[in-house]
Protein backbone atom coordinates (compact mmCIF):
# COMPACT_ATOMS: atom_id res chain seq x y z
CA UNK A 1 -90.12 -46.58 24.37
CA UNK A 2 -94.00 -48.89 25.68
CA UNK A 3 -91.87 -52.23 24.51
CA UNK A 4 -88.79 -50.71 26.38
CA UNK A 5 -91.04 -50.19 28.88
CA UNK A 6 -92.76 -53.89 28.91
CA UNK A 7 -89.52 -55.83 28.73
CA UNK A 8 -87.98 -53.92 32.07
CA UNK A 9 -91.29 -54.59 33.68
CA UNK A 10 -91.59 -58.06 32.80
CA UNK A 11 -87.78 -58.34 34.01
CA UNK A 12 -88.05 -56.41 36.88
CA UNK A 13 -91.03 -59.34 37.60
CA UNK A 14 -88.90 -61.66 36.97
CA UNK A 15 -85.93 -60.56 39.27
CA UNK A 16 -87.88 -59.36 42.35
CA UNK A 17 -90.40 -62.51 42.43
CA UNK A 18 -89.19 -63.39 46.05
CA UNK A 19 -90.62 -59.89 47.26
CA UNK A 20 -93.56 -58.90 44.62
CA UNK A 21 -95.32 -63.03 45.12
CA UNK A 22 -96.17 -62.06 48.23
CA UNK A 23 -97.46 -58.56 48.22
CA UNK A 24 -99.50 -59.47 45.44
CA UNK A 25 -101.51 -62.10 47.31
CA UNK A 26 -101.92 -59.82 50.07
CA UNK A 27 -103.44 -57.46 47.56
CA UNK A 28 -105.32 -59.07 46.31
CA UNK A 29 -106.27 -61.70 49.76
CA UNK A 30 -107.22 -58.22 50.94
CA UNK A 31 -109.33 -57.41 48.23
CA UNK A 32 -112.00 -60.51 49.12
CA UNK A 33 -111.84 -59.47 52.08
CA UNK A 34 -112.14 -55.27 52.34
CA UNK A 35 -115.94 -56.35 52.42
CA UNK A 36 -116.23 -58.65 54.70
CA UNK A 37 -113.93 -56.44 57.45
CA UNK A 38 -116.39 -53.24 56.32
CA UNK A 39 -119.35 -55.04 57.33
CA UNK A 40 -118.10 -55.98 60.81
CA UNK A 41 -117.70 -52.23 60.62
CA UNK A 42 -120.84 -50.92 59.29
CA UNK A 43 -123.16 -53.62 60.61
CA UNK A 44 -121.77 -55.16 64.30
CA UNK A 45 -119.48 -51.79 64.69
CA UNK A 46 -116.25 -53.99 65.50
CA UNK A 47 -112.87 -51.78 65.00
CA UNK A 48 -111.22 -53.05 61.82
CA UNK A 49 -107.56 -54.31 63.33
CA UNK A 50 -109.20 -56.70 65.05
CA UNK A 51 -111.58 -57.96 62.47
CA UNK A 52 -108.32 -57.88 60.25
CA UNK A 53 -106.65 -59.39 62.81
CA UNK A 54 -109.65 -62.95 63.16
CA UNK A 55 -110.00 -62.71 59.37
CA UNK A 56 -105.88 -63.08 59.44
CA UNK A 57 -105.17 -65.28 61.93
CA UNK A 58 -108.39 -67.74 60.89
CA UNK A 59 -106.38 -67.84 57.96
CA UNK A 60 -103.62 -68.70 59.27
CA UNK A 61 -105.54 -71.21 61.22
CA UNK A 62 -106.71 -72.46 58.11
CA UNK A 63 -102.99 -73.66 56.43
CA UNK A 64 -102.44 -75.09 59.72
CA UNK A 65 -105.38 -77.57 59.98
CA UNK A 66 -104.97 -77.54 56.38
CA UNK A 67 -101.42 -78.91 56.09
CA UNK A 68 -102.35 -81.14 59.60
CA UNK A 69 -104.51 -82.75 57.74
CA UNK A 70 -102.41 -83.87 55.46
CA UNK A 71 -98.97 -84.84 56.60
CA UNK A 72 -99.60 -88.01 57.15
CA UNK A 73 -100.79 -89.10 52.98
CA UNK A 74 -98.53 -86.59 51.19
CA UNK A 75 -95.59 -88.31 53.09
CA UNK A 76 -96.97 -91.51 52.44
CA UNK A 77 -96.61 -90.69 49.02
CA UNK A 78 -92.62 -88.89 49.13
CA UNK A 79 -91.97 -92.10 51.02
CA UNK A 80 -92.97 -93.92 47.46
CA UNK A 81 -91.80 -91.70 45.27
CA UNK A 82 -88.98 -93.75 44.61
CA UNK A 83 -92.10 -96.66 43.74
CA UNK A 84 -93.70 -94.65 41.98
CA UNK A 85 -90.71 -93.45 38.99
CA UNK A 86 -89.30 -96.84 39.21
CA UNK A 87 -93.01 -97.94 37.71
CA UNK A 88 -92.81 -95.13 35.24
CA UNK A 89 -89.37 -96.04 34.83
CA UNK A 90 -90.08 -99.42 33.67
CA UNK A 91 -92.95 -98.44 31.30
CA UNK A 92 -90.89 -96.19 29.88
CA UNK A 93 -88.16 -98.94 29.12
CA UNK A 94 -91.19 -101.37 28.05
CA UNK A 95 -92.58 -98.79 24.72
CA UNK A 96 -87.86 -98.12 24.45
CA UNK A 97 -87.52 -102.27 24.20
CA UNK A 98 -90.18 -102.01 21.37
CA UNK A 99 -89.02 -98.53 19.10
CA UNK A 100 -85.67 -100.66 19.41
CA UNK A 101 -87.18 -104.62 18.42
CA UNK A 102 -89.16 -102.30 15.99
CA UNK A 103 -86.03 -100.21 14.39
CA UNK A 104 -84.13 -103.51 14.49
CA UNK A 105 -86.33 -105.41 12.17
CA UNK A 106 -86.06 -102.40 9.85
CA UNK A 107 -82.04 -102.99 10.10
CA UNK A 108 -82.31 -105.80 9.21
CA UNK A 109 -84.60 -105.72 6.40
CA UNK A 110 -82.22 -102.47 4.78
CA UNK A 111 -79.18 -105.57 5.38
CA UNK A 112 -81.03 -107.83 3.62
CA UNK A 113 -81.37 -105.55 0.54
CA UNK A 114 -78.76 -105.28 0.00
CA UNK A 115 -75.99 -106.58 -2.15
CA UNK A 116 -72.54 -106.22 -0.47
CA UNK A 117 -73.22 -105.29 3.99
CA UNK A 118 -69.95 -104.23 5.00
CA UNK A 119 -68.65 -105.48 7.98
CA UNK A 120 -68.44 -102.71 10.16
CA UNK A 121 -66.69 -103.46 13.42
CA UNK A 122 -69.06 -102.93 16.10
CA UNK A 123 -68.87 -99.65 18.04
CA UNK A 124 -67.67 -99.27 22.02
CA UNK A 125 -70.34 -99.18 24.08
CA UNK A 126 -69.74 -95.83 25.39
CA UNK A 127 -69.75 -95.73 29.50
CA UNK A 128 -72.49 -94.41 31.57
CA UNK A 129 -72.23 -91.58 33.66
CA UNK A 130 -74.92 -91.51 36.74
CA UNK A 131 -75.20 -88.14 38.21
CA UNK A 132 -77.23 -88.27 41.12
CA UNK A 133 -79.25 -85.40 41.98
CA UNK A 134 -80.18 -83.79 45.31
CA UNK A 135 -83.25 -85.90 46.93
CA UNK A 136 -86.77 -84.29 47.29
CA UNK A 137 -86.27 -84.28 50.43
CA UNK A 138 -83.52 -82.10 50.19
CA UNK A 139 -85.15 -79.70 47.47
CA UNK A 140 -87.90 -79.62 50.42
CA UNK A 141 -85.96 -78.50 53.08
CA UNK A 142 -83.85 -76.22 51.60
CA UNK A 143 -87.27 -74.05 49.94
CA UNK A 144 -89.10 -74.91 53.25
CA UNK A 145 -88.08 -71.85 55.16
CA UNK A 146 -87.99 -69.68 52.12
CA UNK A 147 -92.00 -70.83 51.55
CA UNK A 148 -92.37 -69.59 55.61
CA UNK A 149 -90.92 -66.68 55.63
CA UNK A 150 -92.82 -65.71 52.40
CA UNK A 151 -96.15 -66.63 54.09
CA UNK A 152 -95.10 -64.90 57.06
CA UNK A 153 -94.75 -61.54 54.98
CA UNK A 154 -97.80 -61.75 53.17
CA UNK A 155 -100.15 -62.50 55.98
CA UNK A 156 -98.32 -59.26 57.98
CA UNK A 157 -98.67 -57.45 54.92
CA UNK A 158 -102.01 -59.12 54.55
CA UNK A 159 -103.28 -57.65 58.79
CA UNK A 160 -102.21 -54.02 57.74
CA UNK A 161 -104.38 -53.52 54.67
CA UNK A 162 -107.37 -54.63 56.45
CA UNK A 163 -106.46 -52.85 59.64
CA UNK A 164 -106.29 -48.97 57.44
CA UNK A 165 -110.28 -50.06 56.80
CA UNK A 166 -111.31 -47.17 54.10
CA UNK A 167 -107.57 -45.38 54.71
CA UNK A 168 -106.92 -46.27 50.52
CA UNK A 169 -110.22 -45.30 49.12
CA UNK A 170 -109.46 -41.81 50.84
CA UNK A 171 -105.78 -41.50 49.53
CA UNK A 172 -107.59 -42.67 45.74
CA UNK A 173 -110.19 -40.36 46.30
CA UNK A 174 -107.74 -37.62 46.74
CA UNK A 175 -104.96 -38.23 44.70
CA UNK A 176 -107.16 -37.53 42.34
CA UNK A 177 -107.63 -34.23 40.38
CA UNK A 178 -110.73 -33.51 39.60
CA UNK A 179 -114.40 -34.70 40.47
CA UNK A 180 -115.50 -36.97 37.24
CA UNK A 181 -111.91 -38.70 37.98
CA UNK A 182 -111.93 -39.23 41.64
CA UNK A 183 -115.41 -41.06 41.04
CA UNK A 184 -113.74 -43.32 38.54
CA UNK A 185 -111.15 -44.20 40.72
CA UNK A 186 -113.20 -44.87 43.22
CA UNK A 187 -116.07 -47.37 41.42
CA UNK A 188 -112.47 -48.65 39.71
CA UNK A 189 -111.61 -49.84 42.94
CA UNK A 190 -115.36 -51.12 44.23
CA UNK A 191 -115.49 -53.27 41.16
CA UNK A 192 -112.81 -54.45 41.45
CA UNK A 193 -113.04 -55.78 44.55
CA UNK A 194 -116.70 -57.31 43.83
CA UNK A 195 -116.05 -59.02 40.81
CA UNK A 196 -112.58 -60.69 42.63
CA UNK A 197 -114.45 -61.31 45.55
CA UNK A 198 -117.34 -62.58 43.50
CA UNK A 199 -115.35 -64.98 40.91
CA UNK A 200 -113.11 -65.83 43.73
CA UNK A 201 -116.02 -66.87 46.39
CA UNK A 202 -117.49 -69.08 43.17
CA UNK A 203 -114.38 -70.51 41.71
CA UNK A 204 -113.53 -71.85 45.96
CA UNK A 205 -116.72 -73.21 45.88
CA UNK A 206 -116.41 -74.95 42.55
CA UNK A 207 -113.40 -76.12 43.55
CA UNK A 208 -114.46 -77.49 46.13
CA UNK A 209 -117.05 -79.87 45.37
CA UNK A 210 -114.66 -80.83 42.75
CA UNK A 211 -112.39 -81.92 45.21
CA UNK A 212 -114.50 -83.72 46.57
CA UNK A 213 -116.00 -85.46 43.80
CA UNK A 214 -112.71 -86.63 42.03
CA UNK A 215 -112.05 -87.94 45.60
CA UNK A 216 -115.37 -89.95 45.81
CA UNK A 217 -114.14 -91.55 42.57
CA UNK A 218 -110.29 -92.50 43.11
CA UNK A 219 -111.84 -94.45 46.62
CA UNK A 220 -114.49 -95.91 44.27
CA UNK A 221 -112.00 -97.96 42.48
CA UNK A 222 -109.29 -98.09 45.05
CA UNK A 223 -106.91 -95.27 44.99
CA UNK A 224 -104.58 -94.47 47.90
CA UNK A 225 -105.08 -91.27 49.89
CA UNK A 226 -107.79 -89.97 47.68
CA UNK A 227 -108.05 -87.18 50.31
CA UNK A 228 -105.05 -85.90 48.74
CA UNK A 229 -105.95 -86.23 45.91
CA UNK A 230 -109.27 -84.56 45.99
CA UNK A 231 -107.49 -81.65 48.11
CA UNK A 232 -104.98 -81.55 44.93
CA UNK A 233 -107.89 -81.37 42.18
CA UNK A 234 -109.20 -79.00 44.24
CA UNK A 235 -106.07 -76.95 44.59
CA UNK A 236 -104.63 -77.03 40.50
CA UNK A 237 -108.32 -76.28 39.39
CA UNK A 238 -107.22 -73.16 40.19
CA UNK A 239 -105.09 -73.21 37.99
CA UNK A 240 -107.55 -73.12 33.88
CA UNK A 241 -106.82 -76.75 31.92
CA UNK A 242 -103.26 -76.81 33.30
CA UNK A 243 -103.94 -77.20 36.88
CA UNK A 244 -106.53 -80.31 34.72
CA UNK A 245 -103.78 -81.88 33.16
CA UNK A 246 -101.25 -81.80 35.62
CA UNK A 247 -103.86 -83.30 38.93
CA UNK A 248 -104.44 -86.02 35.48
CA UNK A 249 -100.80 -87.37 35.70
CA UNK A 250 -100.09 -87.27 39.02
CA UNK A 251 -102.97 -89.17 39.18
CA UNK A 252 -101.89 -91.36 36.40
CA UNK A 253 -98.04 -92.14 37.52
CA UNK A 254 -99.23 -93.34 40.80
CA UNK A 255 -102.88 -95.28 39.87
CA UNK A 256 -99.27 -97.25 37.25
CA UNK A 257 -97.60 -97.85 40.53
CA UNK A 258 -99.94 -99.38 42.34
CA UNK A 259 -102.08 -101.16 39.85
CA UNK A 260 -99.16 -102.41 37.85
CA UNK A 261 -101.05 -102.33 33.75
CA UNK A 262 -101.81 -99.26 31.51
CA UNK A 263 -105.34 -100.42 31.55
CA UNK A 264 -105.73 -100.46 35.48
CA UNK A 265 -103.95 -96.76 35.83
CA UNK A 266 -106.14 -95.47 32.67
CA UNK A 267 -109.60 -95.33 35.02
CA UNK A 268 -108.82 -93.56 37.17
CA UNK A 269 -107.74 -90.74 34.77
CA UNK A 270 -110.72 -91.24 32.37
CA UNK A 271 -112.66 -91.10 36.37
CA UNK A 272 -110.09 -87.31 36.66
CA UNK A 273 -111.62 -86.16 32.90
CA UNK A 274 -114.82 -87.13 33.54
CA UNK A 275 -114.54 -84.42 36.86
CA UNK A 276 -112.92 -82.06 35.77
CA UNK A 277 -114.88 -82.09 31.79
CA UNK A 278 -118.31 -82.20 33.85
CA UNK A 279 -117.32 -78.82 35.96
CA UNK A 280 -115.53 -76.52 32.99
CA UNK A 281 -118.68 -77.41 30.46
CA UNK A 282 -121.14 -77.32 33.01
CA UNK A 283 -120.90 -76.32 36.21
CA UNK A 284 -118.69 -73.09 35.92
CA UNK A 285 -120.13 -70.93 32.92
CA UNK A 286 -123.95 -71.76 35.25
CA UNK A 287 -123.12 -70.78 38.33
CA UNK A 288 -120.33 -68.49 37.25
CA UNK A 289 -122.49 -66.58 34.50
CA UNK A 290 -121.16 -64.93 31.55
CA UNK A 291 -120.20 -61.47 33.57
CA UNK A 292 -117.36 -63.14 34.74
CA UNK A 293 -116.41 -65.29 31.84
CA UNK A 294 -113.61 -64.37 30.10
CA UNK A 295 -111.43 -65.12 26.67
CA UNK A 296 -110.77 -68.87 26.70
CA UNK A 297 -107.95 -68.37 25.22
CA UNK A 298 -106.73 -65.48 26.73
CA UNK A 299 -106.95 -67.09 29.82
CA UNK A 300 -104.27 -69.67 28.74
CA UNK A 301 -102.20 -67.47 27.47
CA UNK A 302 -102.56 -65.72 30.71
CA UNK A 303 -101.94 -68.61 32.53
CA UNK A 304 -98.58 -70.03 30.63
CA UNK A 305 -97.19 -66.27 30.58
CA UNK A 306 -97.32 -65.99 34.41
CA UNK A 307 -96.10 -69.72 34.96
CA UNK A 308 -93.28 -68.30 32.51
CA UNK A 309 -93.03 -65.52 34.55
CA UNK A 310 -93.48 -66.40 38.37
CA UNK A 311 -93.72 -71.07 38.05
CA UNK A 312 -96.70 -72.26 39.54
CA UNK A 313 -97.58 -69.42 41.80
CA UNK A 314 -97.88 -67.42 38.93
CA UNK A 315 -99.91 -69.99 37.47
CA UNK A 316 -102.81 -69.21 40.13
CA UNK A 317 -102.57 -65.91 40.28
CA UNK A 318 -103.27 -65.58 36.71
CA UNK A 319 -107.06 -65.49 36.56
CA UNK A 320 -107.31 -63.03 39.52
CA UNK A 321 -104.93 -61.11 37.76
CA UNK A 322 -107.07 -60.79 34.66
CA UNK A 323 -110.12 -60.03 36.52
CA UNK A 324 -108.88 -56.71 37.40
CA UNK A 325 -106.92 -56.29 34.36
CA UNK A 326 -110.71 -56.80 32.79
CA UNK A 327 -112.71 -54.26 34.98
CA UNK A 328 -109.78 -51.92 34.70
CA UNK A 329 -109.86 -51.38 30.72
CA UNK A 330 -113.17 -51.39 31.13
CA UNK A 331 -113.23 -48.07 32.57
CA UNK A 332 -110.44 -46.46 30.01
CA UNK A 333 -111.05 -45.91 27.29
CA UNK A 334 -107.96 -46.42 25.17
CA UNK A 335 -107.55 -50.22 26.80
CA UNK A 336 -111.69 -51.44 25.24
CA UNK A 337 -109.96 -53.04 23.32
CA UNK A 338 -108.20 -54.89 25.52
CA UNK A 339 -110.92 -55.07 28.17
CA UNK A 340 -112.68 -57.41 25.12
CA UNK A 341 -110.37 -59.05 24.48
CA UNK A 342 -110.35 -60.52 27.59
CA UNK A 343 -114.60 -60.79 27.72
CA UNK A 344 -116.08 -63.68 26.56
CA UNK A 345 -117.79 -63.68 23.83
CA UNK A 346 -120.32 -62.82 22.56
CA UNK A 347 -123.56 -64.24 21.23
CA UNK A 348 -123.89 -62.44 17.89
CA UNK A 349 -126.55 -60.26 17.88
CA UNK A 350 -128.55 -61.11 13.67
CA UNK A 351 -128.10 -57.96 11.34
CA UNK A 352 -130.94 -55.94 9.85
CA UNK A 353 -129.70 -56.73 6.47
CA UNK A 354 -130.12 -60.79 7.41
CA UNK A 355 -133.31 -61.78 5.98
């Protein structure tokens, strides 16, 4: 029964992604922004709907400003996409030609070693069929209305969540049957809110610093539109491990088209790798701390799973969902093993018998 339940649950999440994703995004941002709304109400006596409106409008203006500032560089990259694809195709053809020459040499060796090589008729060259797919601009034009509608729905739902104030906590307390359950439910809700806010705030600051470092390094080596690569590094670093690989691959493709040689194109990629290595191995563990550290294998598995279910957006949501599940598991005794699995490995204490 448990297996059937999870199969149906994940199938429903996959089929209803267009509705579920905006809802989950709104809930996560509501958990992050609720302490701000609560602070405005208690300290500054500002009505919750007013502070919610300011936060939602501010988020919308930030998105619009970011798109406006990056629109010209991104347009240039999109317009140069055929040139980048041609550069990659040229290098792939060169590698394929080397392999073909190697295979031809092997074939000549086999024919020379054979006692009586048979003259086989030359196979007729198959006719090349070219399938013309829709262009990038066509795909963007088709998906843009759906993306705009999802963002609008998520922002409106976020406003209602923030404007309701502590209504969710009041309903949660009333729904619990006993006093101990009421206290536990409030502790879970407050801990999820606090841990998720702390995690996203610190990770956002770290990723912004990483984006600045990546943009500066790529500007130093002469890469075009380093601001775009810095912004992409900031966004992609919210996807652990896979985001860095995606960023390095994109930098490598464009560097190959700009510099025309693999050796020169490897320099920006290595600089990107150096920045992400310093961030992942030193900066993030030092700032985030042991309390918010999670199992690296569990993070990679979660990113792969939610990316399989929901695509790129699921990769962005993987770690925040893990934070929520980890906090919830620490309060529910049957889920203690799951919470231990999601947590980072604690330092091993020496046993008394080890002398």
